[in-house]
Amino acid sequence: MSDKSNIYAILYDRDLTDTEALHRFIANSGMIERWWHYIKSCYLVKSTHTANQIADAIPDSIRDAGFLVVEIKIENSSGWLTDKAWEWIDKRVREFSE
């Protein structure tokens, strides 16, 4: 049975964003199944919700700085990351293919 979740990138300006409030939302939100934060201004999150639903739920204190929630196809990814980061991505790819 395949996973009905999607992976989204939440991108934000670290200099302008209340990063603690954003982290609390991601870590404690029932909307987010799993999350990844190896790049300082980006979270990858796994969720069954849409990008619009996630964006609407992000706390008001973060909105003024601006952010972007975009669905990504994790199986079509590449870059220079730590082994730990790639392990997280590889695990999500396997979950989608089961």
PDB file of N, CA and C in Angstrom:
ATOM      1  N   MET A   1       0.843  -1.180   0.000  1.00  0.00           N
ATOM      2  CA  MET A   1       0.000   0.000   0.000  1.00  0.00           C
ATOM      3  C   MET A   1       0.889   1.244   0.000  1.00  0.00           C
ATOM      4  N   SER A   2       0.631   2.172  -0.899  1.00  0.00           N
ATOM      5  CA  SER A   2       1.472   3.359  -0.986  1.00  0.00           C
ATOM      6  C   SER A   2       1.053   4.412   0.035  1.00  0.00           C
ATOM      7  N   ASP A   3       1.993   5.244   0.380  1.00  0.00           N
ATOM      8  CA  ASP A   3       1.815   6.319   1.341  1.00  0.00           C
ATOM      9  C   ASP A   3       1.051   7.463   0.672  1.00  0.00           C
ATOM     10  N   LYS A   4       0.053   8.023   1.340  1.00  0.00           N
ATOM     11  CA  LYS A   4      -0.745   9.125   0.792  1.00  0.00           C
ATOM     12  C   LYS A   4      -0.184  10.487   1.178  1.00  0.00           C
ATOM     13  N   SER A   5       0.974  10.504   1.807  1.00  0.00           N
ATOM     14  CA  SER A   5       1.605  11.749   2.218  1.00  0.00           C
ATOM     15  C   SER A   5       2.396  12.360   1.066  1.00  0.00           C
ATOM     16  N   ASN A   6       2.712  13.627   1.219  1.00  0.00           N
ATOM     17  CA  ASN A   6       3.594  14.330   0.298  1.00  0.00           C
ATOM     18  C   ASN A   6       4.724  14.957   1.102  1.00  0.00           C
ATOM     19  N   ILE A   7       5.785  15.306   0.397  1.00  0.00           N
ATOM     20  CA  ILE A   7       6.886  16.039   1.003  1.00  0.00           C
ATOM     21  C   ILE A   7       6.805  17.476   0.516  1.00  0.00           C
ATOM     22  N   TYR A   8       6.919  18.400   1.457  1.00  0.00           N
ATOM     23  CA  TYR A   8       6.882  19.826   1.149  1.00  0.00           C
ATOM     24  C   TYR A   8       8.153  20.480   1.671  1.00  0.00           C
ATOM     25  N   ALA A   9       8.615  21.478   0.950  1.00  0.00           N
ATOM     26  CA  ALA A   9       9.694  22.334   1.440  1.00  0.00           C
ATOM     27  C   ALA A   9       9.028  23.587   2.001  1.00  0.00           C
ATOM     28  N   ILE A  10       9.413  23.942   3.213  1.00  0.00           N
ATOM     29  CA  ILE A  10       9.002  25.222   3.790  1.00  0.00           C
ATOM     30  C   ILE A  10      10.268  26.073   3.807  1.00  0.00           C
ATOM     31  N   LEU A  11      10.265  27.105   2.982  1.00  0.00           N
ATOM     32  CA  LEU A  11      11.415  27.982   2.811  1.00  0.00           C
ATOM     33  C   LEU A  11      11.103  29.330   3.433  1.00  0.00           C
ATOM     34  N   TYR A  12      12.083  29.927   4.095  1.00  0.00           N
ATOM     35  CA  TYR A  12      11.851  31.177   4.811  1.00  0.00           C
ATOM     36  C   TYR A  12      13.150  31.959   4.947  1.00  0.00           C
ATOM     37  N   ASP A  13      13.029  33.238   5.260  1.00  0.00           N
ATOM     38  CA  ASP A  13      14.188  34.097   5.487  1.00  0.00           C
ATOM     39  C   ASP A  13      14.568  33.983   6.954  1.00  0.00           C
ATOM     40  N   ARG A  14      15.649  33.308   7.232  1.00  0.00           N
ATOM     41  CA  ARG A  14      16.076  33.046   8.606  1.00  0.00           C
ATOM     42  C   ARG A  14      16.342  34.332   9.389  1.00  0.00           C
ATOM     43  N   ASP A  15      16.776  35.378   8.711  1.00  0.00           N
ATOM     44  CA  ASP A  15      17.081  36.639   9.388  1.00  0.00           C
ATOM     45  C   ASP A  15      15.822  37.389   9.833  1.00  0.00           C
ATOM     46  N   LEU A  16      14.699  37.137   9.193  1.00  0.00           N
ATOM     47  CA  LEU A  16      13.466  37.875   9.489  1.00  0.00           C
ATOM     48  C   LEU A  16      12.407  37.049  10.212  1.00  0.00           C
ATOM     49  N   THR A  17      12.590  35.739  10.259  1.00  0.00           N
ATOM     50  CA  THR A  17      11.571  34.824  10.771  1.00  0.00           C
ATOM     51  C   THR A  17      11.788  34.503  12.243  1.00  0.00           C
ATOM     52  N   ASP A  18      10.690  34.367  12.964  1.00  0.00           N
ATOM     53  CA  ASP A  18      10.741  33.849  14.333  1.00  0.00           C
ATOM     54  C   ASP A  18      10.972  32.348  14.208  1.00  0.00           C
ATOM     55  N   THR A  19      12.238  31.959  14.141  1.00  0.00           N
ATOM     56  CA  THR A  19      12.583  30.568  13.857  1.00  0.00           C
ATOM     57  C   THR A  19      12.143  29.623  14.977  1.00  0.00           C
ATOM     58  N   GLU A  20      12.120  30.104  16.205  1.00  0.00           N
ATOM     59  CA  GLU A  20      11.658  29.253  17.305  1.00  0.00           C
ATOM     60  C   GLU A  20      10.174  28.952  17.168  1.00  0.00           C
ATOM     61  N   ALA A  21       9.378  29.949  16.787  1.00  0.00           N
ATOM     62  CA  ALA A  21       7.941  29.732  16.592  1.00  0.00           C
ATOM     63  C   ALA A  21       7.695  28.776  15.429  1.00  0.00           C
ATOM     64  N   LEU A  22       8.457  28.927  14.358  1.00  0.00           N
ATOM     65  CA  LEU A  22       8.305  28.025  13.217  1.00  0.00           C
ATOM     66  C   LEU A  22       8.683  26.603  13.612  1.00  0.00           C
ATOM     67  N   HIS A  23       9.771  26.444  14.326  1.00  0.00           N
ATOM     68  CA  HIS A  23      10.183  25.106  14.751  1.00  0.00           C
ATOM     69  C   HIS A  23       9.133  24.467  15.672  1.00  0.00           C
ATOM     70  N   ARG A  24       8.588  25.250  16.598  1.00  0.00           N
ATOM     71  CA  ARG A  24       7.542  24.709  17.485  1.00  0.00           C
ATOM     72  C   ARG A  24       6.340  24.244  16.673  1.00  0.00           C
ATOM     73  N   PHE A  25       5.940  25.033  15.675  1.00  0.00           N
ATOM     74  CA  PHE A  25       4.813  24.639  14.825  1.00  0.00           C
ATOM     75  C   PHE A  25       5.111  23.313  14.131  1.00  0.00           C
ATOM     76  N   ILE A  26       6.281  23.213  13.522  1.00  0.00           N
ATOM     77  CA  ILE A  26       6.614  22.001  12.768  1.00  0.00           C
ATOM     78  C   ILE A  26       6.755  20.793  13.687  1.00  0.00           C
ATOM     79  N   ALA A  27       7.421  20.971  14.807  1.00  0.00           N
ATOM     80  CA  ALA A  27       7.668  19.846  15.714  1.00  0.00           C
ATOM     81  C   ALA A  27       6.408  19.386  16.443  1.00  0.00           C
ATOM     82  N   ASN A  28       5.472  20.312  16.677  1.00  0.00           N
ATOM     83  CA  ASN A  28       4.308  19.984  17.502  1.00  0.00           C
ATOM     84  C   ASN A  28       2.991  19.910  16.744  1.00  0.00           C
ATOM     85  N   SER A  29       3.002  20.282  15.487  1.00  0.00           N
ATOM     86  CA  SER A  29       1.769  20.288  14.710  1.00  0.00           C
ATOM     87  C   SER A  29       1.332  18.862  14.381  1.00  0.00           C
ATOM     88  N   GLY A  30       0.088  18.593  14.555  1.00  0.00           N
ATOM     89  CA  GLY A  30      -0.456  17.302  14.154  1.00  0.00           C
ATOM     90  C   GLY A  30      -0.495  17.134  12.651  1.00  0.00           C
ATOM     91  N   MET A  31      -0.231  18.217  11.924  1.00  0.00           N
ATOM     92  CA  MET A  31      -0.244  18.167  10.457  1.00  0.00           C
ATOM     93  C   MET A  31       1.033  17.551   9.889  1.00  0.00           C
ATOM     94  N   ILE A  32       2.106  17.615  10.654  1.00  0.00           N
ATOM     95  CA  ILE A  32       3.415  17.202  10.163  1.00  0.00           C
ATOM     96  C   ILE A  32       3.752  15.818  10.731  1.00  0.00           C
ATOM     97  N   GLU A  33       3.949  14.848   9.841  1.00  0.00           N
ATOM     98  CA  GLU A  33       4.282  13.485  10.261  1.00  0.00           C
ATOM     99  C   GLU A  33       5.765  13.347  10.591  1.00  0.00           C
ATOM    100  N   ARG A  34       6.590  13.920   9.762  1.00  0.00           N
ATOM    101  CA  ARG A  34       8.046  13.873   9.927  1.00  0.00           C
ATOM    102  C   ARG A  34       8.603  15.191   9.405  1.00  0.00           C
ATOM    103  N   TRP A  35       9.784  15.548   9.884  1.00  0.00           N
ATOM    104  CA  TRP A  35      10.413  16.763   9.377  1.00  0.00           C
ATOM    105  C   TRP A  35      11.919  16.608   9.335  1.00  0.00           C
ATOM    106  N   TRP A  36      12.539  17.462   8.526  1.00  0.00           N
ATOM    107  CA  TRP A  36      13.973  17.459   8.257  1.00  0.00           C
ATOM    108  C   TRP A  36      14.423  18.908   8.245  1.00  0.00           C
ATOM    109  N   HIS A  37      15.548  19.198   8.888  1.00  0.00           N
ATOM    110  CA  HIS A  37      16.002  20.597   8.961  1.00  0.00           C
ATOM    111  C   HIS A  37      17.526  20.662   8.973  1.00  0.00           C
ATOM    112  N   TYR A  38      18.153  20.242   7.892  1.00  0.00           N
ATOM    113  CA  TYR A  38      19.605  20.253   7.800  1.00  0.00           C
ATOM    114  C   TYR A  38      20.127  21.508   7.114  1.00  0.00           C
ATOM    115  N   ILE A  39      19.267  22.260   6.463  1.00  0.00           N
ATOM    116  CA  ILE A  39      19.625  23.529   5.840  1.00  0.00           C
ATOM    117  C   ILE A  39      18.908  24.622   6.627  1.00  0.00           C
ATOM    118  N   LYS A  40      19.633  25.634   7.068  1.00  0.00           N
ATOM    119  CA  LYS A  40      19.126  26.600   8.039  1.00  0.00           C
ATOM    120  C   LYS A  40      17.840  27.318   7.647  1.00  0.00           C
ATOM    121  N   SER A  41      17.581  27.529   6.388  1.00  0.00           N
ATOM    122  CA  SER A  41      16.380  28.275   5.996  1.00  0.00           C
ATOM    123  C   SER A  41      15.363  27.402   5.268  1.00  0.00           C
ATOM    124  N   CYS A  42      15.395  26.101   5.558  1.00  0.00           N
ATOM    125  CA  CYS A  42      14.492  25.167   4.882  1.00  0.00           C
ATOM    126  C   CYS A  42      14.134  24.010   5.802  1.00  0.00           C
ATOM    127  N   TYR A  43      12.861  23.689   5.813  1.00  0.00           N
ATOM    128  CA  TYR A  43      12.396  22.440   6.420  1.00  0.00           C
ATOM    129  C   TYR A  43      11.802  21.607   5.295  1.00  0.00           C
ATOM    130  N   LEU A  44      12.061  20.320   5.319  1.00  0.00           N
ATOM    131  CA  LEU A  44      11.296  19.388   4.512  1.00  0.00           C
ATOM    132  C   LEU A  44      10.354  18.709   5.479  1.00  0.00           C
ATOM    133  N   VAL A  45       9.077  18.658   5.128  1.00  0.00           N
ATOM    134  CA  VAL A  45       8.089  18.054   6.006  1.00  0.00           C
ATOM    135  C   VAL A  45       7.269  17.037   5.224  1.00  0.00           C
ATOM    136  N   LYS A  46       6.855  16.004   5.934  1.00  0.00           N
ATOM    137  CA  LYS A  46       5.998  14.978   5.357  1.00  0.00           C
ATOM    138  C   LYS A  46       4.614  15.173   5.957  1.00  0.00           C
ATOM    139  N   SER A  47       3.602  15.252   5.091  1.00  0.00           N
ATOM    140  CA  SER A  47       2.253  15.524   5.572  1.00  0.00           C
ATOM    141  C   SER A  47       1.210  14.995   4.589  1.00  0.00           C
ATOM    142  N   THR A  48       0.040  14.659   5.113  1.00  0.00           N
ATOM    143  CA  THR A  48      -1.094  14.298   4.260  1.00  0.00           C
ATOM    144  C   THR A  48      -1.899  15.536   3.875  1.00  0.00           C
ATOM    145  N   HIS A  49      -1.552  16.675   4.449  1.00  0.00           N
ATOM    146  CA  HIS A  49      -2.247  17.930   4.162  1.00  0.00           C
ATOM    147  C   HIS A  49      -1.675  18.586   2.905  1.00  0.00           C
ATOM    148  N   THR A  50      -2.402  19.543   2.352  1.00  0.00           N
ATOM    149  CA  THR A  50      -1.949  20.264   1.161  1.00  0.00           C
ATOM    150  C   THR A  50      -1.009  21.393   1.554  1.00  0.00           C
ATOM    151  N   ALA A  51      -0.314  21.927   0.567  1.00  0.00           N
ATOM    152  CA  ALA A  51       0.559  23.083   0.803  1.00  0.00           C
ATOM    153  C   ALA A  51      -0.257  24.255   1.348  1.00  0.00           C
ATOM    154  N   ASN A  52      -1.456  24.472   0.803  1.00  0.00           N
ATOM    155  CA  ASN A  52      -2.314  25.571   1.284  1.00  0.00           C
ATOM    156  C   ASN A  52      -2.713  25.366   2.738  1.00  0.00           C
ATOM    157  N   GLN A  53      -3.070  24.152   3.109  1.00  0.00           N
ATOM    158  CA  GLN A  53      -3.460  23.881   4.495  1.00  0.00           C
ATOM    159  C   GLN A  53      -2.303  24.120   5.454  1.00  0.00           C
ATOM    160  N   ILE A  54      -1.112  23.692   5.067  1.00  0.00           N
ATOM    161  CA  ILE A  54       0.067  23.909   5.916  1.00  0.00           C
ATOM    162  C   ILE A  54       0.350  25.409   6.027  1.00  0.00           C
ATOM    163  N   ALA A  55       0.343  26.108   4.906  1.00  0.00           N
ATOM    164  CA  ALA A  55       0.611  27.555   4.910  1.00  0.00           C
ATOM    165  C   ALA A  55      -0.404  28.293   5.775  1.00  0.00           C
ATOM    166  N   ASP A  56      -1.670  27.921   5.670  1.00  0.00           N
ATOM    167  CA  ASP A  56      -2.711  28.581   6.466  1.00  0.00           C
ATOM    168  C   ASP A  56      -2.533  28.343   7.961  1.00  0.00           C
ATOM    169  N   ALA A  57      -1.918  27.229   8.336  1.00  0.00           N
ATOM    170  CA  ALA A  57      -1.754  26.884   9.747  1.00  0.00           C
ATOM    171  C   ALA A  57      -0.485  27.480  10.371  1.00  0.00           C
ATOM    172  N   ILE A  58       0.422  27.965   9.547  1.00  0.00           N
ATOM    173  CA  ILE A  58       1.662  28.546  10.071  1.00  0.00           C
ATOM    174  C   ILE A  58       1.309  29.784  10.895  1.00  0.00           C
ATOM    175  N   PRO A  59       1.916  29.927  12.071  1.00  0.00           N
ATOM    176  CA  PRO A  59       1.562  31.026  12.973  1.00  0.00           C
ATOM    177  C   PRO A  59       1.700  32.414  12.341  1.00  0.00           C
ATOM    178  N   ASP A  60       0.804  33.307  12.746  1.00  0.00           N
ATOM    179  CA  ASP A  60       0.806  34.676  12.240  1.00  0.00           C
ATOM    180  C   ASP A  60       2.144  35.373  12.454  1.00  0.00           C
ATOM    181  N   SER A  61       2.846  35.045  13.531  1.00  0.00           N
ATOM    182  CA  SER A  61       4.111  35.717  13.841  1.00  0.00           C
ATOM    183  C   SER A  61       5.170  35.464  12.764  1.00  0.00           C
ATOM    184  N   ILE A  62       4.952  34.496  11.911  1.00  0.00           N
ATOM    185  CA  ILE A  62       5.914  34.161  10.861  1.00  0.00           C
ATOM    186  C   ILE A  62       5.530  34.784   9.528  1.00  0.00           C
ATOM    187  N   ARG A  63       4.279  35.120   9.360  1.00  0.00           N
ATOM    188  CA  ARG A  63       3.768  35.587   8.074  1.00  0.00           C
ATOM    189  C   ARG A  63       4.425  36.873   7.574  1.00  0.00           C
ATOM    190  N   ASP A  64       4.712  37.811   8.456  1.00  0.00           N
ATOM    191  CA  ASP A  64       5.283  39.089   8.027  1.00  0.00           C
ATOM    192  C   ASP A  64       6.635  38.923   7.344  1.00  0.00           C
ATOM    193  N   ALA A  65       7.400  37.938   7.754  1.00  0.00           N
ATOM    194  CA  ALA A  65       8.718  37.703   7.153  1.00  0.00           C
ATOM    195  C   ALA A  65       8.591  37.033   5.789  1.00  0.00           C
ATOM    196  N   GLY A  66       7.473  36.379   5.547  1.00  0.00           N
ATOM    197  CA  GLY A  66       7.255  35.659   4.301  1.00  0.00           C
ATOM    198  C   GLY A  66       7.828  34.250   4.345  1.00  0.00           C
ATOM    199  N   PHE A  67       7.195  33.362   3.632  1.00  0.00           N
ATOM    200  CA  PHE A  67       7.636  31.969   3.544  1.00  0.00           C
ATOM    201  C   PHE A  67       7.001  31.346   2.319  1.00  0.00           C
ATOM    202  N   LEU A  68       7.483  30.188   1.942  1.00  0.00           N
ATOM    203  CA  LEU A  68       6.955  29.454   0.801  1.00  0.00           C
ATOM    204  C   LEU A  68       6.811  27.992   1.188  1.00  0.00           C
ATOM    205  N   VAL A  69       5.653  27.417   0.930  1.00  0.00           N
ATOM    206  CA  VAL A  69       5.427  25.984   1.111  1.00  0.00           C
ATOM    207  C   VAL A  69       5.204  25.416  -0.286  1.00  0.00           C
ATOM    208  N   VAL A  70       6.042  24.483  -0.677  1.00  0.00           N
ATOM    209  CA  VAL A  70       5.957  23.932  -2.026  1.00  0.00           C
ATOM    210  C   VAL A  70       6.139  22.424  -1.976  1.00  0.00           C
ATOM    211  N   GLU A  71       5.306  21.698  -2.718  1.00  0.00           N
ATOM    212  CA  GLU A  71       5.451  20.243  -2.793  1.00  0.00           C
ATOM    213  C   GLU A  71       6.672  19.902  -3.638  1.00  0.00           C
ATOM    214  N   ILE A  72       7.422  18.903  -3.168  1.00  0.00           N
ATOM    215  CA  ILE A  72       8.570  18.456  -3.948  1.00  0.00           C
ATOM    216  C   ILE A  72       8.463  16.955  -4.196  1.00  0.00           C
ATOM    217  N   LYS A  73       9.080  16.532  -5.237  1.00  0.00           N
ATOM    218  CA  LYS A  73       9.168  15.107  -5.559  1.00  0.00           C
ATOM    219  C   LYS A  73      10.513  14.622  -5.034  1.00  0.00           C
ATOM    220  N   ILE A  74      10.484  14.064  -3.845  1.00  0.00           N
ATOM    221  CA  ILE A  74      11.702  13.689  -3.143  1.00  0.00           C
ATOM    222  C   ILE A  74      12.516  12.642  -3.904  1.00  0.00           C
ATOM    223  N   GLU A  75      11.832  11.802  -4.700  1.00  0.00           N
ATOM    224  CA  GLU A  75      12.561  10.780  -5.447  1.00  0.00           C
ATOM    225  C   GLU A  75      13.376  11.398  -6.584  1.00  0.00           C
ATOM    226  N   ASN A  76      13.129  12.653  -6.920  1.00  0.00           N
ATOM    227  CA  ASN A  76      13.874  13.362  -7.950  1.00  0.00           C
ATOM    228  C   ASN A  76      14.633  14.504  -7.290  1.00  0.00           C
ATOM    229  N   SER A  77      15.615  14.137  -6.456  1.00  0.00           N
ATOM    230  CA  SER A  77      16.366  15.143  -5.713  1.00  0.00           C
ATOM    231  C   SER A  77      17.857  14.877  -5.841  1.00  0.00           C
ATOM    232  N   SER A  78      18.626  15.933  -5.693  1.00  0.00           N
ATOM    233  CA  SER A  78      20.072  15.812  -5.756  1.00  0.00           C
ATOM    234  C   SER A  78      20.680  17.015  -5.061  1.00  0.00           C
ATOM    235  N   GLY A  79      21.899  16.882  -4.629  1.00  0.00           N
ATOM    236  CA  GLY A  79      22.592  17.997  -4.007  1.00  0.00           C
ATOM    237  C   GLY A  79      23.738  17.512  -3.147  1.00  0.00           C
ATOM    238  N   TRP A  80      24.333  18.425  -2.373  1.00  0.00           N
ATOM    239  CA  TRP A  80      25.448  18.115  -1.489  1.00  0.00           C
ATOM    240  C   TRP A  80      24.969  18.267  -0.060  1.00  0.00           C
ATOM    241  N   LEU A  81      24.743  17.137   0.601  1.00  0.00           N
ATOM    242  CA  LEU A  81      24.243  17.115   1.969  1.00  0.00           C
ATOM    243  C   LEU A  81      25.047  16.117   2.794  1.00  0.00           C
ATOM    244  N   THR A  82      24.832  16.148   4.099  1.00  0.00           N
ATOM    245  CA  THR A  82      25.479  15.179   4.972  1.00  0.00           C
ATOM    246  C   THR A  82      24.882  13.793   4.746  1.00  0.00           C
ATOM    247  N   ASP A  83      25.611  12.777   5.162  1.00  0.00           N
ATOM    248  CA  ASP A  83      25.084  11.412   5.056  1.00  0.00           C
ATOM    249  C   ASP A  83      23.777  11.279   5.825  1.00  0.00           C
ATOM    250  N   LYS A  84      23.700  11.910   6.996  1.00  0.00           N
ATOM    251  CA  LYS A  84      22.480  11.845   7.805  1.00  0.00           C
ATOM    252  C   LYS A  84      21.283  12.447   7.056  1.00  0.00           C
ATOM    253  N   ALA A  85      21.510  13.542   6.364  1.00  0.00           N
ATOM    254  CA  ALA A  85      20.436  14.165   5.587  1.00  0.00           C
ATOM    255  C   ALA A  85      19.970  13.241   4.468  1.00  0.00           C
ATOM    256  N   TRP A  86      20.901  12.640   3.750  1.00  0.00           N
ATOM    257  CA  TRP A  86      20.527  11.727   2.670  1.00  0.00           C
ATOM    258  C   TRP A  86      19.835  10.474   3.202  1.00  0.00           C
ATOM    259  N   GLU A  87      20.212  10.021   4.386  1.00  0.00           N
ATOM    260  CA  GLU A  87      19.523   8.873   4.987  1.00  0.00           C
ATOM    261  C   GLU A  87      18.052   9.202   5.208  1.00  0.00           C
ATOM    262  N   TRP A  88      17.745  10.419   5.694  1.00  0.00           N
ATOM    263  CA  TRP A  88      16.347  10.821   5.902  1.00  0.00           C
ATOM    264  C   TRP A  88      15.609  10.823   4.568  1.00  0.00           C
ATOM    265  N   ILE A  89      16.212  11.418   3.560  1.00  0.00           N
ATOM    266  CA  ILE A  89      15.579  11.492   2.236  1.00  0.00           C
ATOM    267  C   ILE A  89      15.385  10.096   1.668  1.00  0.00           C
ATOM    268  N   ASP A  90      16.403   9.257   1.728  1.00  0.00           N
ATOM    269  CA  ASP A  90      16.293   7.888   1.201  1.00  0.00           C
ATOM    270  C   ASP A  90      15.184   7.104   1.899  1.00  0.00           C
ATOM    271  N   LYS A  91      15.055   7.294   3.210  1.00  0.00           N
ATOM    272  CA  LYS A  91      13.999   6.605   3.950  1.00  0.00           C
ATOM    273  C   LYS A  91      12.616   7.054   3.473  1.00  0.00           C
ATOM    274  N   ARG A  92      12.430   8.348   3.228  1.00  0.00           N
ATOM    275  CA  ARG A  92      11.138   8.840   2.741  1.00  0.00           C
ATOM    276  C   ARG A  92      10.844   8.294   1.344  1.00  0.00           C
ATOM    277  N   VAL A  93      11.863   8.208   0.488  1.00  0.00           N
ATOM    278  CA  VAL A  93      11.672   7.658  -0.848  1.00  0.00           C
ATOM    279  C   VAL A  93      11.210   6.206  -0.748  1.00  0.00           C
ATOM    280  N   ARG A  94      11.839   5.427   0.140  1.00  0.00           N
ATOM    281  CA  ARG A  94      11.424   4.023   0.326  1.00  0.00           C
ATOM    282  C   ARG A  94       9.995   3.949   0.829  1.00  0.00           C
ATOM    283  N   GLU A  95       9.595   4.826   1.740  1.00  0.00           N
ATOM    284  CA  GLU A  95       8.221   4.815   2.246  1.00  0.00           C
ATOM    285  C   GLU A  95       7.216   5.044   1.137  1.00  0.00           C
ATOM    286  N   PHE A  96       7.547   5.912   0.191  1.00  0.00           N
ATOM    287  CA  PHE A  96       6.635   6.210  -0.912  1.00  0.00           C
ATOM    288  C   PHE A  96       6.532   5.058  -1.895  1.00  0.00           C
ATOM    289  N   SER A  97       7.589   4.260  -2.015  1.00  0.00           N
ATOM    290  CA  SER A  97       7.581   3.196  -3.007  1.00  0.00           C
ATOM    291  C   SER A  97       7.009   1.884  -2.472  1.00  0.00           C
ATOM    292  N   GLU A  98       6.738   1.804  -1.170  1.00  0.00           N
ATOM    293  CA  GLU A  98       6.204   0.562  -0.602  1.00  0.00           C
ATOM    294  C   GLU A  98       4.738   0.381  -0.914  1.00  0.00           C
TER     295      GLU A  98
END
